[in-house]
Structures are given as structure tokens and as C-alpha cells.
Amino acid sequence: MAHNVLGSDLQTCSTKPLTGFYRNGMCETGAGDDGVHTVCARVTKEFLVYSASVGNDLTTPMPEYGFDGLKPGDQWCLCAPRWQEALEAGAAPFVVLESTHIGTLEWVKLSDLKAHACL
């Protein structure tokens, strides 16, 4: 079992919408996950606008991939480097610490994740 940034077992991020590199609801990572999809984020409107502005539109449905598009409040496994970029731009979404893979700490400080943790 993978671990989260708090050191306990990694919890499910979201099954509706179904997220994760492996599309199993978990922010697990492994071979082939070049984006490092390890941050379980609760997306905000501000983040979605930011993401689209840097070329990653997460709101537009892509039925061919079974993706309905995200809306504020949805939880989604984000790429750790993208979350860090959003933080630096002042647009980081909330984080579900229990569902954020420990590998995220190679890209992001735990203190920054905790500062954006969902309550």
C-alpha cells in the first residue's frame, strides 16, 4: 500500500470524477507517470482559470477519454509540479493530505501542502 504525505496509508481521492494516473481514484504513481499525478486537490474556480491559462484546460469535457470536465469542488489528482507552479502563481487549490501521495514531497514542501489543506 502506498503512503500519503502524513505517513499513513494513501486514501482514495475521487471516484466521481474518476481520477488518478491509473484511473482508480487514487493519486498513485509509478513507471510512465511522467507528470507525477500525486496531489489530491479540491479544485477552485481560481485554479481552473489558472490551469487553462497555462495550457491545461480541465473544464472542457473530453468524452473520448471518459472525462466530463472539472468544476469547483471536484477532487482530482494533480501533477505535483503543476501544483507547485499554481502555488507560486497564487492560485494553488486546496489539498486533501490523506489522499496526497508521499512522492509529492520531492516537488512540494509539506508546510505548503498543510497551509492549503482542506479542513
C-alpha atoms as a PDB file:
ATOM      1  CA  MET A   1       0.000   0.000   0.000  1.00  0.00           C
ATOM      2  CA  ALA A   2       1.280   3.459  -0.889  1.00  0.00           C
ATOM      3  CA  HIS A   3       1.614   6.130   1.782  1.00  0.00           C
ATOM      4  CA  ASN A   4       0.413   9.718   1.955  1.00  0.00           C
ATOM      5  CA  VAL A   5       2.335  12.852   2.952  1.00  0.00           C
ATOM      6  CA  LEU A   6       1.332  12.264   6.582  1.00  0.00           C
ATOM      7  CA  GLY A   7       2.949   8.815   6.580  1.00  0.00           C
ATOM      8  CA  SER A   8      -0.231   6.742   6.767  1.00  0.00           C
ATOM      9  CA  ASP A   9      -1.964   4.647   4.090  1.00  0.00           C
ATOM     10  CA  LEU A  10      -2.922   6.583   0.963  1.00  0.00           C
ATOM     11  CA  GLN A  11      -6.684   7.211   0.824  1.00  0.00           C
ATOM     12  CA  THR A  12      -8.961   7.500  -2.214  1.00  0.00           C
ATOM     13  CA  CYS A  13      -9.043  10.962  -3.780  1.00  0.00           C
ATOM     14  CA  SER A  14     -12.115  10.700  -6.022  1.00  0.00           C
ATOM     15  CA  THR A  15     -14.199   8.188  -7.918  1.00  0.00           C
ATOM     16  CA  LYS A  16     -16.635  10.830  -9.244  1.00  0.00           C
ATOM     17  CA  PRO A  17     -14.942  12.114 -11.237  1.00  0.00           C
ATOM     18  CA  LEU A  18     -12.678   9.091 -11.526  1.00  0.00           C
ATOM     19  CA  THR A  19      -9.135  10.343 -11.109  1.00  0.00           C
ATOM     20  CA  GLY A  20      -5.561   9.180 -10.812  1.00  0.00           C
ATOM     21  CA  PHE A  21      -2.879   8.238 -13.307  1.00  0.00           C
ATOM     22  CA  TYR A  22      -4.228   4.685 -13.189  1.00  0.00           C
ATOM     23  CA  ARG A  23      -7.877   5.888 -13.106  1.00  0.00           C
ATOM     24  CA  ASN A  24      -8.511   4.001  -9.862  1.00  0.00           C
ATOM     25  CA  GLY A  25      -9.439   7.006  -7.720  1.00  0.00           C
ATOM     26  CA  MET A  26      -6.022   7.097  -6.039  1.00  0.00           C
ATOM     27  CA  CYS A  27      -3.142   9.545  -6.537  1.00  0.00           C
ATOM     28  CA  GLU A  28      -0.681   6.707  -7.021  1.00  0.00           C
ATOM     29  CA  THR A  29       2.346   6.998  -9.262  1.00  0.00           C
ATOM     30  CA  GLY A  30       4.730   4.663 -10.994  1.00  0.00           C
ATOM     31  CA  ALA A  31       6.544   3.915 -14.216  1.00  0.00           C
ATOM     32  CA  GLY A  32       5.211   6.007 -17.063  1.00  0.00           C
ATOM     33  CA  ASP A  33       3.676   8.711 -14.860  1.00  0.00           C
ATOM     34  CA  ASP A  34       5.919  11.472 -16.182  1.00  0.00           C
ATOM     35  CA  GLY A  35       3.542  14.119 -14.825  1.00  0.00           C
ATOM     36  CA  VAL A  36       3.703  12.797 -11.241  1.00  0.00           C
ATOM     37  CA  HIS A  37      -0.085  12.841 -10.614  1.00  0.00           C
ATOM     38  CA  THR A  38       0.243  12.699  -6.823  1.00  0.00           C
ATOM     39  CA  VAL A  39      -1.542  15.727  -5.311  1.00  0.00           C
ATOM     40  CA  CYS A  40      -5.170  15.191  -4.364  1.00  0.00           C
ATOM     41  CA  ALA A  41      -6.582  18.646  -4.955  1.00  0.00           C
ATOM     42  CA  ARG A  42     -10.028  20.066  -4.357  1.00  0.00           C
ATOM     43  CA  VAL A  43     -10.109  22.412  -7.305  1.00  0.00           C
ATOM     44  CA  THR A  44     -11.261  26.002  -7.132  1.00  0.00           C
ATOM     45  CA  LYS A  45     -12.515  28.316  -9.850  1.00  0.00           C
ATOM     46  CA  GLU A  46      -9.319  30.339  -9.485  1.00  0.00           C
ATOM     47  CA  PHE A  47      -7.168  27.258 -10.037  1.00  0.00           C
ATOM     48  CA  LEU A  48      -9.208  26.100 -13.046  1.00  0.00           C
ATOM     49  CA  VAL A  49      -8.831  29.537 -14.675  1.00  0.00           C
ATOM     50  CA  TYR A  50      -5.086  29.490 -13.925  1.00  0.00           C
ATOM     51  CA  SER A  51      -4.679  25.967 -15.300  1.00  0.00           C
ATOM     52  CA  ALA A  52      -6.432  26.889 -18.538  1.00  0.00           C
ATOM     53  CA  SER A  53      -4.254  29.997 -18.852  1.00  0.00           C
ATOM     54  CA  VAL A  54      -1.117  27.835 -18.856  1.00  0.00           C
ATOM     55  CA  GLY A  55      -2.485  25.390 -21.421  1.00  0.00           C
ATOM     56  CA  ASN A  56      -4.229  22.722 -19.327  1.00  0.00           C
ATOM     57  CA  ASP A  57      -7.978  23.212 -19.661  1.00  0.00           C
ATOM     58  CA  LEU A  58      -9.546  20.920 -17.083  1.00  0.00           C
ATOM     59  CA  THR A  59     -13.109  22.192 -17.504  1.00  0.00           C
ATOM     60  CA  THR A  60     -13.842  21.126 -21.067  1.00  0.00           C
ATOM     61  CA  PRO A  61     -15.360  17.639 -21.345  1.00  0.00           C
ATOM     62  CA  MET A  62     -13.413  15.069 -23.364  1.00  0.00           C
ATOM     63  CA  PRO A  63     -15.878  12.180 -23.763  1.00  0.00           C
ATOM     64  CA  GLU A  64     -13.395  10.162 -25.807  1.00  0.00           C
ATOM     65  CA  TYR A  65     -11.358   9.834 -22.593  1.00  0.00           C
ATOM     66  CA  GLY A  66     -14.357   9.455 -20.279  1.00  0.00           C
ATOM     67  CA  PHE A  67     -13.679  12.943 -18.875  1.00  0.00           C
ATOM     68  CA  ASP A  68     -16.659  15.183 -18.097  1.00  0.00           C
ATOM     69  CA  GLY A  69     -14.590  18.252 -17.185  1.00  0.00           C
ATOM     70  CA  LEU A  70     -13.973  19.546 -13.684  1.00  0.00           C
ATOM     71  CA  LYS A  71     -15.937  22.106 -11.718  1.00  0.00           C
ATOM     72  CA  PRO A  72     -15.037  23.874  -8.475  1.00  0.00           C
ATOM     73  CA  GLY A  73     -15.216  21.469  -5.549  1.00  0.00           C
ATOM     74  CA  ASP A  74     -14.240  18.385  -7.552  1.00  0.00           C
ATOM     75  CA  GLN A  75     -11.273  16.410  -6.295  1.00  0.00           C
ATOM     76  CA  TRP A  76      -8.587  15.478  -8.806  1.00  0.00           C
ATOM     77  CA  CYS A  77      -5.072  14.048  -8.807  1.00  0.00           C
ATOM     78  CA  LEU A  78      -2.901  16.922  -9.997  1.00  0.00           C
ATOM     79  CA  CYS A  79       0.671  16.785 -11.149  1.00  0.00           C
ATOM     80  CA  ALA A  80       2.942  17.802  -8.277  1.00  0.00           C
ATOM     81  CA  PRO A  81       4.986  20.217 -10.431  1.00  0.00           C
ATOM     82  CA  ARG A  82       1.743  21.887 -11.648  1.00  0.00           C
ATOM     83  CA  TRP A  83       0.525  22.312  -8.068  1.00  0.00           C
ATOM     84  CA  GLN A  84       3.848  23.963  -7.186  1.00  0.00           C
ATOM     85  CA  GLU A  85       3.529  26.275 -10.216  1.00  0.00           C
ATOM     86  CA  ALA A  86      -0.004  27.212  -9.147  1.00  0.00           C
ATOM     87  CA  LEU A  87       1.267  27.917  -5.634  1.00  0.00           C
ATOM     88  CA  GLU A  88       3.919  30.265  -6.985  1.00  0.00           C
ATOM     89  CA  ALA A  89       1.256  31.983  -9.119  1.00  0.00           C
ATOM     90  CA  GLY A  90      -1.054  32.439  -6.112  1.00  0.00           C
ATOM     91  CA  ALA A  91      -3.658  30.003  -7.471  1.00  0.00           C
ATOM     92  CA  ALA A  92      -2.975  26.714  -5.655  1.00  0.00           C
ATOM     93  CA  PRO A  93      -6.093  24.640  -4.979  1.00  0.00           C
ATOM     94  CA  PHE A  94      -6.889  23.014  -1.653  1.00  0.00           C
ATOM     95  CA  VAL A  95      -5.167  19.719  -0.816  1.00  0.00           C
ATOM     96  CA  VAL A  96      -6.529  16.519   0.721  1.00  0.00           C
ATOM     97  CA  LEU A  97      -3.450  15.449   2.698  1.00  0.00           C
ATOM     98  CA  GLU A  98      -4.640  11.899   3.425  1.00  0.00           C
ATOM     99  CA  SER A  99      -5.029  11.302  -0.321  1.00  0.00           C
ATOM    100  CA  THR A 100      -1.817  13.009  -1.470  1.00  0.00           C
ATOM    101  CA  HIS A 101       0.980  10.555  -2.276  1.00  0.00           C
ATOM    102  CA  ILE A 102       4.190  10.842  -0.250  1.00  0.00           C
ATOM    103  CA  GLY A 103       6.137  11.180  -3.517  1.00  0.00           C
ATOM    104  CA  THR A 104       4.738  14.703  -3.762  1.00  0.00           C
ATOM    105  CA  LEU A 105       7.333  15.779  -1.196  1.00  0.00           C
ATOM    106  CA  GLU A 106      10.022  15.539  -3.876  1.00  0.00           C
ATOM    107  CA  TRP A 107       8.343  18.546  -5.536  1.00  0.00           C
ATOM    108  CA  VAL A 108       6.446  20.402  -2.819  1.00  0.00           C
ATOM    109  CA  LYS A 109       7.145  21.328   0.812  1.00  0.00           C
ATOM    110  CA  LEU A 110       4.892  19.662   3.385  1.00  0.00           C
ATOM    111  CA  SER A 111       4.387  23.040   5.049  1.00  0.00           C
ATOM    112  CA  ASP A 112       2.950  24.445   1.792  1.00  0.00           C
ATOM    113  CA  LEU A 113       0.604  21.467   1.427  1.00  0.00           C
ATOM    114  CA  LYS A 114      -0.546  21.849   5.034  1.00  0.00           C
ATOM    115  CA  ALA A 115      -1.155  25.569   4.506  1.00  0.00           C
ATOM    116  CA  HIS A 116      -3.600  24.646   1.709  1.00  0.00           C
ATOM    117  CA  ALA A 117      -5.136  21.601   3.380  1.00  0.00           C
ATOM    118  CA  CYS A 118      -8.884  21.036   3.249  1.00  0.00           C
ATOM    119  CA  LEU A 119     -10.427  21.408   6.660  1.00  0.00           C
END
